[in-house]
PDB file of N, CA and C in Angstrom:
ATOM      1  N   UNK A   1     135.496  69.577  55.251  1.00  0.00           N
ATOM      2  CA  UNK A   1     134.788  69.789  56.306  1.00  0.00           C
ATOM      3  C   UNK A   1     133.245  68.875  55.182  1.00  0.00           C
ATOM      4  N   UNK A   2     132.631  67.882  56.147  1.00  0.00           N
ATOM      5  CA  UNK A   2     131.670  67.498  55.289  1.00  0.00           C
ATOM      6  C   UNK A   2     130.262  68.496  55.556  1.00  0.00           C
ATOM      7  N   UNK A   3     129.257  68.223  55.143  1.00  0.00           N
ATOM      8  CA  UNK A   3     128.356  69.274  55.374  1.00  0.00           C
ATOM      9  C   UNK A   3     127.567  69.071  56.578  1.00  0.00           C
ATOM     10  N   UNK A   4     127.658  67.936  57.163  1.00  0.00           N
ATOM     11  CA  UNK A   4     127.024  67.679  58.562  1.00  0.00           C
ATOM     12  C   UNK A   4     127.768  68.452  59.531  1.00  0.00           C
ATOM     13  N   UNK A   5     128.988  68.600  59.457  1.00  0.00           N
ATOM     14  CA  UNK A   5     129.860  69.325  59.882  1.00  0.00           C
ATOM     15  C   UNK A   5     129.636  70.557  60.322  1.00  0.00           C
ATOM     16  N   UNK A   6     129.319  71.064  59.014  1.00  0.00           N
ATOM     17  CA  UNK A   6     129.028  72.511  58.706  1.00  0.00           C
ATOM     18  C   UNK A   6     127.712  72.667  59.542  1.00  0.00           C
ATOM     19  N   UNK A   7     126.867  71.861  59.009  1.00  0.00           N
ATOM     20  CA  UNK A   7     125.573  72.343  59.827  1.00  0.00           C
ATOM     21  C   UNK A   7     125.590  72.014  61.287  1.00  0.00           C
ATOM     22  N   UNK A   8     125.997  71.543  61.966  1.00  0.00           N
ATOM     23  CA  UNK A   8     126.268  71.261  63.294  1.00  0.00           C
ATOM     24  C   UNK A   8     127.132  72.574  63.886  1.00  0.00           C
ATOM     25  N   UNK A   9     128.136  73.035  63.239  1.00  0.00           N
ATOM     26  CA  UNK A   9     128.739  74.272  63.870  1.00  0.00           C
ATOM     27  C   UNK A   9     127.788  75.265  63.834  1.00  0.00           C
ATOM     28  N   UNK A  10     127.098  75.607  62.872  1.00  0.00           N
ATOM     29  CA  UNK A  10     126.232  76.680  62.614  1.00  0.00           C
ATOM     30  C   UNK A  10     125.238  76.521  63.774  1.00  0.00           C
ATOM     31  N   UNK A  11     124.649  75.711  63.653  1.00  0.00           N
ATOM     32  CA  UNK A  11     123.626  74.990  64.695  1.00  0.00           C
ATOM     33  C   UNK A  11     124.288  75.561  66.174  1.00  0.00           C
ATOM     34  N   UNK A  12     125.301  75.222  66.597  1.00  0.00           N
ATOM     35  CA  UNK A  12     126.160  75.220  67.506  1.00  0.00           C
ATOM     36  C   UNK A  12     126.466  76.942  67.830  1.00  0.00           C
ATOM     37  N   UNK A  13     126.841  77.567  66.716  1.00  0.00           N
ATOM     38  CA  UNK A  13     127.069  79.178  66.638  1.00  0.00           C
ATOM     39  C   UNK A  13     125.652  79.773  67.161  1.00  0.00           C
ATOM     40  N   UNK A  14     124.577  79.470  66.660  1.00  0.00           N
ATOM     41  CA  UNK A  14     123.070  79.773  66.921  1.00  0.00           C
ATOM     42  C   UNK A  14     122.985  79.636  68.056  1.00  0.00           C
ATOM     43  N   UNK A  15     123.147  78.789  68.629  1.00  0.00           N
ATOM     44  CA  UNK A  15     122.825  77.976  69.695  1.00  0.00           C
ATOM     45  C   UNK A  15     123.682  79.034  70.942  1.00  0.00           C
ATOM     46  N   UNK A  16     124.654  79.121  70.839  1.00  0.00           N
ATOM     47  CA  UNK A  16     125.841  80.010  71.609  1.00  0.00           C
ATOM     48  C   UNK A  16     125.152  81.448  71.607  1.00  0.00           C
ATOM     49  N   UNK A  17     124.765  82.039  70.435  1.00  0.00           N
ATOM     50  CA  UNK A  17     124.253  83.144  70.218  1.00  0.00           C
ATOM     51  C   UNK A  17     122.869  83.689  71.045  1.00  0.00           C
ATOM     52  N   UNK A  18     121.998  82.149  70.878  1.00  0.00           N
ATOM     53  CA  UNK A  18     120.759  82.775  71.690  1.00  0.00           C
ATOM     54  C   UNK A  18     121.026  82.540  72.874  1.00  0.00           C
ATOM     55  N   UNK A  19     121.882  81.555  73.754  1.00  0.00           N
ATOM     56  CA  UNK A  19     122.511  81.821  75.024  1.00  0.00           C
ATOM     57  C   UNK A  19     122.851  82.965  75.677  1.00  0.00           C
ATOM     58  N   UNK A  20     123.939  83.608  74.808  1.00  0.00           N
ATOM     59  CA  UNK A  20     124.684  84.960  75.138  1.00  0.00           C
ATOM     60  C   UNK A  20     123.363  85.913  75.340  1.00  0.00           C
ATOM     61  N   UNK A  21     122.299  85.869  74.192  1.00  0.00           N
ATOM     62  CA  UNK A  21     121.570  86.896  74.410  1.00  0.00           C
ATOM     63  C   UNK A  21     120.198  86.831  75.245  1.00  0.00           C
ATOM     64  N   UNK A  22     120.160  85.771  75.655  1.00  0.00           N
ATOM     65  CA  UNK A  22     119.448  84.975  76.955  1.00  0.00           C
ATOM     66  C   UNK A  22     120.135  85.503  78.290  1.00  0.00           C
ATOM     67  N   UNK A  23     121.156  85.413  78.420  1.00  0.00           N
ATOM     68  CA  UNK A  23     122.298  85.802  79.801  1.00  0.00           C
ATOM     69  C   UNK A  23     121.843  87.407  79.389  1.00  0.00           C
ATOM     70  N   UNK A  24     122.227  88.036  78.316  1.00  0.00           N
ATOM     71  CA  UNK A  24     122.118  89.677  78.409  1.00  0.00           C
ATOM     72  C   UNK A  24     120.762  90.061  78.925  1.00  0.00           C
ATOM     73  N   UNK A  25     119.639  89.549  78.252  1.00  0.00           N
ATOM     74  CA  UNK A  25     118.355  89.828  78.644  1.00  0.00           C
ATOM     75  C   UNK A  25     118.117  89.544  80.091  1.00  0.00           C
ATOM     76  N   UNK A  26     118.570  88.515  80.747  1.00  0.00           N
ATOM     77  CA  UNK A  26     118.498  88.110  82.251  1.00  0.00           C
ATOM     78  C   UNK A  26     119.341  89.061  82.989  1.00  0.00           C
ATOM     79  N   UNK A  27     120.549  89.745  82.449  1.00  0.00           N
ATOM     80  CA  UNK A  27     121.180  90.770  83.569  1.00  0.00           C
ATOM     81  C   UNK A  27     120.381  91.610  83.685  1.00  0.00           C
ATOM     82  N   UNK A  28     119.975  92.562  82.313  1.00  0.00           N
ATOM     83  CA  UNK A  28     119.252  93.711  82.220  1.00  0.00           C
ATOM     84  C   UNK A  28     117.910  93.670  83.023  1.00  0.00           C
ATOM     85  N   UNK A  29     117.231  92.567  83.107  1.00  0.00           N
ATOM     86  CA  UNK A  29     116.575  92.148  84.047  1.00  0.00           C
ATOM     87  C   UNK A  29     116.552  92.239  85.475  1.00  0.00           C
ATOM     88  N   UNK A  30     117.857  91.733  86.138  1.00  0.00           N
ATOM     89  CA  UNK A  30     118.115  91.807  87.460  1.00  0.00           C
ATOM     90  C   UNK A  30     118.481  93.391  87.823  1.00  0.00           C
ATOM     91  N   UNK A  31     119.082  93.769  86.661  1.00  0.00           N
ATOM     92  CA  UNK A  31     119.651  95.391  86.983  1.00  0.00           C
ATOM     93  C   UNK A  31     118.352  96.342  87.134  1.00  0.00           C
ATOM     94  N   UNK A  32     117.395  95.552  86.465  1.00  0.00           N
ATOM     95  CA  UNK A  32     116.016  96.770  86.428  1.00  0.00           C
ATOM     96  C   UNK A  32     115.304  96.096  87.720  1.00  0.00           C
ATOM     97  N   UNK A  33     115.210  95.108  88.134  1.00  0.00           N
ATOM     98  CA  UNK A  33     114.723  94.838  89.422  1.00  0.00           C
ATOM     99  C   UNK A  33     115.238  95.352  90.391  1.00  0.00           C
ATOM    100  N   UNK A  34     116.624  95.321  90.415  1.00  0.00           N
ATOM    101  CA  UNK A  34     117.849  95.787  91.847  1.00  0.00           C
ATOM    102  C   UNK A  34     117.266  96.795  92.048  1.00  0.00           C
ATOM    103  N   UNK A  35     117.292  97.943  90.811  1.00  0.00           N
ATOM    104  CA  UNK A  35     116.618  99.038  90.830  1.00  0.00           C
ATOM    105  C   UNK A  35     115.276  99.314  91.330  1.00  0.00           C
ATOM    106  N   UNK A  36     114.494  98.335  90.955  1.00  0.00           N
ATOM    107  CA  UNK A  36     113.204  98.242  91.880  1.00  0.00           C
ATOM    108  C   UNK A  36     113.082  98.027  93.220  1.00  0.00           C
ATOM    109  N   UNK A  37     114.007  97.333  93.592  1.00  0.00           N
ATOM    110  CA  UNK A  37     114.122  96.889  95.138  1.00  0.00           C
ATOM    111  C   UNK A  37     114.745  98.125  95.978  1.00  0.00           C
ATOM    112  N   UNK A  38     115.649  98.608  95.394  1.00  0.00           N
ATOM    113  CA  UNK A  38     116.303  99.790  95.866  1.00  0.00           C
ATOM    114  C   UNK A  38     115.570 100.802  96.370  1.00  0.00           C
ATOM    115  N   UNK A  39     114.569 101.189  95.272  1.00  0.00           N
ATOM    116  CA  UNK A  39     113.527 102.243  95.227  1.00  0.00           C
ATOM    117  C   UNK A  39     112.604 101.977  96.114  1.00  0.00           C
ATOM    118  N   UNK A  40     112.016 101.118  96.284  1.00  0.00           N
ATOM    119  CA  UNK A  40     110.940 100.291  97.417  1.00  0.00           C
ATOM    120  C   UNK A  40     111.884 100.001  98.887  1.00  0.00           C
ATOM    121  N   UNK A  41     112.930  99.998  98.756  1.00  0.00           N
ATOM    122  CA  UNK A  41     113.270 100.186 100.242  1.00  0.00           C
ATOM    123  C   UNK A  41     113.632 101.697 100.670  1.00  0.00           C
ATOM    124  N   UNK A  42     113.851 102.719  99.881  1.00  0.00           N
ATOM    125  CA  UNK A  42     114.091 104.309  99.821  1.00  0.00           C
ATOM    126  C   UNK A  42     112.462 104.492 100.305  1.00  0.00           C
ATOM    127  N   UNK A  43     111.384 104.017  99.609  1.00  0.00           N
ATOM    128  CA  UNK A  43     109.859 104.392 100.179  1.00  0.00           C
ATOM    129  C   UNK A  43     109.599 103.888 101.594  1.00  0.00           C
ATOM    130  N   UNK A  44     109.911 102.333 101.480  1.00  0.00           N
ATOM    131  CA  UNK A  44     109.956 102.006 102.790  1.00  0.00           C
ATOM    132  C   UNK A  44     110.521 102.316 104.288  1.00  0.00           C
ATOM    133  N   UNK A  45     111.683 102.817 103.805  1.00  0.00           N
ATOM    134  CA  UNK A  45     112.022 103.479 105.152  1.00  0.00           C
ATOM    135  C   UNK A  45     111.627 105.136 105.315  1.00  0.00           C
ATOM    136  N   UNK A  46     111.164 105.591 103.969  1.00  0.00           N
ATOM    137  CA  UNK A  46     110.535 106.705 104.133  1.00  0.00           C
ATOM    138  C   UNK A  46     109.076 106.820 104.784  1.00  0.00           C
ATOM    139  N   UNK A  47     108.143 105.763 104.562  1.00  0.00           N
ATOM    140  CA  UNK A  47     107.245 105.693 105.210  1.00  0.00           C
ATOM    141  C   UNK A  47     107.418 105.119 106.819  1.00  0.00           C
ATOM    142  N   UNK A  48     108.350 104.082 106.840  1.00  0.00           N
ATOM    143  CA  UNK A  48     108.733 103.862 108.555  1.00  0.00           C
ATOM    144  C   UNK A  48     109.220 105.345 109.174  1.00  0.00           C
ATOM    145  N   UNK A  49     109.701 106.046 108.531  1.00  0.00           N
ATOM    146  CA  UNK A  49     110.458 106.930 109.343  1.00  0.00           C
ATOM    147  C   UNK A  49     109.073 108.343 109.963  1.00  0.00           C
ATOM    148  N   UNK A  50     108.035 108.359 108.864  1.00  0.00           N
ATOM    149  CA  UNK A  50     106.775 109.403 108.870  1.00  0.00           C
ATOM    150  C   UNK A  50     106.165 108.172 110.086  1.00  0.00           C
ATOM    151  N   UNK A  51     105.890 107.119 110.189  1.00  0.00           N
ATOM    152  CA  UNK A  51     105.274 106.435 110.976  1.00  0.00           C
ATOM    153  C   UNK A  51     105.967 106.448 112.282  1.00  0.00           C
ATOM    154  N   UNK A  52     106.991 106.295 112.322  1.00  0.00           N
ATOM    155  CA  UNK A  52     107.905 106.708 113.748  1.00  0.00           C
ATOM    156  C   UNK A  52     107.592 108.359 114.062  1.00  0.00           C
ATOM    157  N   UNK A  53     107.155 108.938 113.224  1.00  0.00           N
ATOM    158  CA  UNK A  53     107.440 110.230 113.822  1.00  0.00           C
ATOM    159  C   UNK A  53     105.767 110.757 114.179  1.00  0.00           C
ATOM    160  N   UNK A  54     104.488 109.856 113.541  1.00  0.00           N
ATOM    161  CA  UNK A  54     103.346 110.008 114.090  1.00  0.00           C
ATOM    162  C   UNK A  54     103.158 109.329 115.352  1.00  0.00           C
ATOM    163  N   UNK A  55     103.899 108.359 115.855  1.00  0.00           N
ATOM    164  CA  UNK A  55     103.636 107.529 116.724  1.00  0.00           C
ATOM    165  C   UNK A  55     104.436 108.117 117.913  1.00  0.00           C
ATOM    166  N   UNK A  56     105.519 109.167 117.693  1.00  0.00           N
ATOM    167  CA  UNK A  56     105.749 109.826 118.959  1.00  0.00           C
ATOM    168  C   UNK A  56     105.114 111.082 119.161  1.00  0.00           C
ATOM    169  N   UNK A  57     104.788 111.661 118.265  1.00  0.00           N
ATOM    170  CA  UNK A  57     103.699 112.554 118.335  1.00  0.00           C
ATOM    171  C   UNK A  57     102.416 111.943 119.417  1.00  0.00           C
ATOM    172  N   UNK A  58     102.154 110.768 118.778  1.00  0.00           N
ATOM    173  CA  UNK A  58     100.870 110.396 119.704  1.00  0.00           C
ATOM    174  C   UNK A  58     101.010 109.985 121.265  1.00  0.00           C
ATOM    175  N   UNK A  59     102.403 109.649 121.053  1.00  0.00           N
ATOM    176  CA  UNK A  59     103.082 109.328 122.639  1.00  0.00           C
ATOM    177  C   UNK A  59     103.124 110.570 123.497  1.00  0.00           C
ATOM    178  N   UNK A  60     103.643 111.688 122.413  1.00  0.00           N
ATOM    179  CA  UNK A  60     103.868 113.125 123.396  1.00  0.00           C
ATOM    180  C   UNK A  60     102.457 113.443 123.986  1.00  0.00           C
ATOM    181  N   UNK A  61     101.462 113.218 123.298  1.00  0.00           N
ATOM    182  CA  UNK A  61      99.621 113.477 123.426  1.00  0.00           C
ATOM    183  C   UNK A  61      99.449 112.693 124.619  1.00  0.00           C
ATOM    184  N   UNK A  62      99.686 111.489 124.570  1.00  0.00           N
ATOM    185  CA  UNK A  62      99.450 110.643 125.698  1.00  0.00           C
ATOM    186  C   UNK A  62     100.110 111.188 126.862  1.00  0.00           C
ATOM    187  N   UNK A  63     101.343 111.415 127.273  1.00  0.00           N
ATOM    188  CA  UNK A  63     102.087 111.927 128.196  1.00  0.00           C
ATOM    189  C   UNK A  63     101.585 113.019 128.638  1.00  0.00           C
ATOM    190  N   UNK A  64     101.245 114.181 127.833  1.00  0.00           N
ATOM    191  CA  UNK A  64     100.345 115.505 128.179  1.00  0.00           C
ATOM    192  C   UNK A  64      99.246 114.852 129.065  1.00  0.00           C
ATOM    193  N   UNK A  65      98.584 114.099 128.535  1.00  0.00           N
ATOM    194  CA  UNK A  65      97.198 113.948 129.130  1.00  0.00           C
ATOM    195  C   UNK A  65      97.522 112.966 130.681  1.00  0.00           C
ATOM    196  N   UNK A  66      98.374 112.468 130.680  1.00  0.00           N
ATOM    197  CA  UNK A  66      99.146 111.578 131.942  1.00  0.00           C
ATOM    198  C   UNK A  66      99.593 112.457 132.715  1.00  0.00           C
ATOM    199  N   UNK A  67     100.196 113.609 132.245  1.00  0.00           N
ATOM    200  CA  UNK A  67     100.662 114.863 133.247  1.00  0.00           C
ATOM    201  C   UNK A  67      99.591 115.439 133.960  1.00  0.00           C
ATOM    202  N   UNK A  68      98.492 115.816 132.924  1.00  0.00           N
ATOM    203  CA  UNK A  68      97.220 116.496 133.371  1.00  0.00           C
ATOM    204  C   UNK A  68      96.585 115.878 134.519  1.00  0.00           C
ATOM    205  N   UNK A  69      96.543 114.433 134.601  1.00  0.00           N
ATOM    206  CA  UNK A  69      95.508 113.551 135.396  1.00  0.00           C
ATOM    207  C   UNK A  69      96.847 113.633 136.680  1.00  0.00           C
ATOM    208  N   UNK A  70      97.883 113.540 136.439  1.00  0.00           N
ATOM    209  CA  UNK A  70      98.778 113.571 137.650  1.00  0.00           C
ATOM    210  C   UNK A  70      98.539 114.564 138.410  1.00  0.00           C
ATOM    211  N   UNK A  71      98.527 116.047 137.429  1.00  0.00           N
ATOM    212  CA  UNK A  71      98.117 117.176 138.400  1.00  0.00           C
ATOM    213  C   UNK A  71      96.862 117.269 139.281  1.00  0.00           C
ATOM    214  N   UNK A  72      95.706 116.825 138.896  1.00  0.00           N
ATOM    215  CA  UNK A  72      94.413 116.332 139.094  1.00  0.00           C
ATOM    216  C   UNK A  72      94.561 115.675 140.343  1.00  0.00           C
ATOM    217  N   UNK A  73      95.313 114.625 140.346  1.00  0.00           N
ATOM    218  CA  UNK A  73      95.431 114.111 141.485  1.00  0.00           C
ATOM    219  C   UNK A  73      96.312 114.389 142.599  1.00  0.00           C
ATOM    220  N   UNK A  74      97.031 115.072 142.336  1.00  0.00           N
ATOM    221  CA  UNK A  74      98.139 115.843 143.354  1.00  0.00           C
ATOM    222  C   UNK A  74      97.042 116.628 143.627  1.00  0.00           C
ATOM    223  N   UNK A  75      96.468 117.774 143.354  1.00  0.00           N
ATOM    224  CA  UNK A  75      95.437 118.571 143.890  1.00  0.00           C
ATOM    225  C   UNK A  75      94.320 117.619 144.493  1.00  0.00           C
ATOM    226  N   UNK A  76      93.764 116.706 144.219  1.00  0.00           N
ATOM    227  CA  UNK A  76      92.623 115.819 145.002  1.00  0.00           C
ATOM    228  C   UNK A  76      93.434 115.418 146.254  1.00  0.00           C
ATOM    229  N   UNK A  77      94.623 114.848 146.067  1.00  0.00           N
ATOM    230  CA  UNK A  77      94.888 114.606 147.538  1.00  0.00           C
ATOM    231  C   UNK A  77      95.582 115.342 148.659  1.00  0.00           C
ATOM    232  N   UNK A  78      95.827 116.466 148.050  1.00  0.00           N
ATOM    233  CA  UNK A  78      96.114 117.811 148.854  1.00  0.00           C
ATOM    234  C   UNK A  78      95.186 118.211 149.674  1.00  0.00           C
ATOM    235  N   UNK A  79      93.667 118.246 148.883  1.00  0.00           N
ATOM    236  CA  UNK A  79      92.403 118.641 149.689  1.00  0.00           C
ATOM    237  C   UNK A  79      91.745 117.311 150.379  1.00  0.00           C
ATOM    238  N   UNK A  80      92.349 115.988 150.016  1.00  0.00           N
ATOM    239  CA  UNK A  80      92.036 115.142 150.914  1.00  0.00           C
ATOM    240  C   UNK A  80      92.688 115.047 152.060  1.00  0.00           C
ATOM    241  N   UNK A  81      93.967 115.384 152.177  1.00  0.00           N
ATOM    242  CA  UNK A  81      94.839 115.643 153.216  1.00  0.00           C
ATOM    243  C   UNK A  81      94.346 116.384 154.494  1.00  0.00           C
ATOM    244  N   UNK A  82      93.922 117.674 153.965  1.00  0.00           N
ATOM    245  CA  UNK A  82      93.264 118.726 154.662  1.00  0.00           C
ATOM    246  C   UNK A  82      92.004 118.357 155.419  1.00  0.00           C
ATOM    247  N   UNK A  83      91.226 117.278 154.646  1.00  0.00           N
ATOM    248  CA  UNK A  83      89.953 117.463 154.827  1.00  0.00           C
ATOM    249  C   UNK A  83      90.022 115.713 156.129  1.00  0.00           C
ATOM    250  N   UNK A  84      91.354 115.175 156.116  1.00  0.00           N
ATOM    251  CA  UNK A  84      91.705 114.260 157.167  1.00  0.00           C
ATOM    252  C   UNK A  84      91.982 114.544 158.220  1.00  0.00           C
ATOM    253  N   UNK A  85      92.891 115.770 157.927  1.00  0.00           N
ATOM    254  CA  UNK A  85      93.127 116.512 159.409  1.00  0.00           C
ATOM    255  C   UNK A  85      92.088 117.032 159.983  1.00  0.00           C
ATOM    256  N   UNK A  86      91.373 117.737 159.334  1.00  0.00           N
ATOM    257  CA  UNK A  86      89.686 118.023 159.797  1.00  0.00           C
ATOM    258  C   UNK A  86      88.916 117.308 160.699  1.00  0.00           C
ATOM    259  N   UNK A  87      88.949 116.069 159.931  1.00  0.00           N
ATOM    260  CA  UNK A  87      88.429 114.702 160.509  1.00  0.00           C
ATOM    261  C   UNK A  87      88.824 114.185 161.718  1.00  0.00           C
ATOM    262  N   UNK A  88      89.964 114.314 161.532  1.00  0.00           N
ATOM    263  CA  UNK A  88      90.816 113.340 162.801  1.00  0.00           C
ATOM    264  C   UNK A  88      90.540 114.300 163.772  1.00  0.00           C
ATOM    265  N   UNK A  89      90.618 115.864 163.679  1.00  0.00           N
ATOM    266  CA  UNK A  89      90.813 116.431 164.645  1.00  0.00           C
ATOM    267  C   UNK A  89      89.258 116.723 165.259  1.00  0.00           C
ATOM    268  N   UNK A  90      88.184 116.502 164.821  1.00  0.00           N
ATOM    269  CA  UNK A  90      86.849 116.571 164.814  1.00  0.00           C
ATOM    270  C   UNK A  90      86.744 115.056 165.815  1.00  0.00           C
ATOM    271  N   UNK A  91      87.032 114.338 165.326  1.00  0.00           N
ATOM    272  CA  UNK A  91      86.985 113.101 166.066  1.00  0.00           C
ATOM    273  C   UNK A  91      87.706 113.320 167.129  1.00  0.00           C
ATOM    274  N   UNK A  92      88.838 113.674 167.622  1.00  0.00           N
ATOM    275  CA  UNK A  92      89.526 113.986 168.544  1.00  0.00           C
ATOM    276  C   UNK A  92      88.615 114.833 169.772  1.00  0.00           C
ATOM    277  N   UNK A  93      88.287 116.196 169.445  1.00  0.00           N
ATOM    278  CA  UNK A  93      87.237 116.784 170.017  1.00  0.00           C
ATOM    279  C   UNK A  93      86.083 116.193 170.462  1.00  0.00           C
ATOM    280  N   UNK A  94      85.674 115.347 169.580  1.00  0.00           N
ATOM    281  CA  UNK A  94      84.120 114.439 169.883  1.00  0.00           C
ATOM    282  C   UNK A  94      84.660 113.602 170.962  1.00  0.00           C
ATOM    283  N   UNK A  95      85.716 112.937 170.814  1.00  0.00           N
ATOM    284  CA  UNK A  95      86.279 111.998 171.831  1.00  0.00           C
ATOM    285  C   UNK A  95      86.673 112.514 173.277  1.00  0.00           C
ATOM    286  N   UNK A  96      87.380 113.720 173.353  1.00  0.00           N
ATOM    287  CA  UNK A  96      87.420 114.363 174.364  1.00  0.00           C
ATOM    288  C   UNK A  96      86.292 114.931 175.354  1.00  0.00           C
ATOM    289  N   UNK A  97      85.173 115.680 174.313  1.00  0.00           N
ATOM    290  CA  UNK A  97      83.696 116.250 174.674  1.00  0.00           C
ATOM    291  C   UNK A  97      83.228 114.864 175.798  1.00  0.00           C
ATOM    292  N   UNK A  98      83.693 113.268 174.827  1.00  0.00           N
ATOM    293  CA  UNK A  98      82.366 112.477 175.609  1.00  0.00           C
ATOM    294  C   UNK A  98      83.430 111.925 176.883  1.00  0.00           C
ATOM    295  N   UNK A  99      84.613 111.786 176.834  1.00  0.00           N
ATOM    296  CA  UNK A  99      85.469 112.032 177.926  1.00  0.00           C
ATOM    297  C   UNK A  99      85.014 112.545 179.260  1.00  0.00           C
ATOM    298  N   UNK A 100      85.191 113.837 178.719  1.00  0.00           N
ATOM    299  CA  UNK A 100      85.364 115.015 179.871  1.00  0.00           C
ATOM    300  C   UNK A 100      83.775 114.983 180.578  1.00  0.00           C
ATOM    301  N   UNK A 101      82.650 114.854 179.470  1.00  0.00           N
ATOM    302  CA  UNK A 101      81.223 114.471 180.026  1.00  0.00           C
ATOM    303  C   UNK A 101      80.841 113.311 180.934  1.00  0.00           C
ATOM    304  N   UNK A 102      81.613 112.344 181.278  1.00  0.00           N
ATOM    305  CA  UNK A 102      81.419 111.072 181.585  1.00  0.00           C
ATOM    306  C   UNK A 102      82.580 111.291 182.614  1.00  0.00           C
ATOM    307  N   UNK A 103      83.584 112.315 182.875  1.00  0.00           N
ATOM    308  CA  UNK A 103      84.309 112.286 184.136  1.00  0.00           C
ATOM    309  C   UNK A 103      83.591 112.977 184.837  1.00  0.00           C
ATOM    310  N   UNK A 104      82.637 114.004 184.549  1.00  0.00           N
ATOM    311  CA  UNK A 104      82.117 114.813 185.643  1.00  0.00           C
ATOM    312  C   UNK A 104      80.816 114.404 186.202  1.00  0.00           C
TER     313      UNK A 104
END
């Protein structure tokens, strides 16, 4: 073996060791990033679950308020139904009185 070949073989061995070390570091980095991504996904899922719970609670409050408004409108409608009957009855009585007074 000549000195030049020995030098090249040693340099290639060094390069091979550096490449292997670089890939090992890269694998460690991927494992770390993968762990961080999984943790972020867990946190995000928990936050979304909490947000949905808050939204449903808000919708329940809105639904309760609409139910109260429906009750109020129903009560008002009942009152106006009675008032309408009174007005119609009064109008009929007035018309009958006018007709009766003109007939005689």
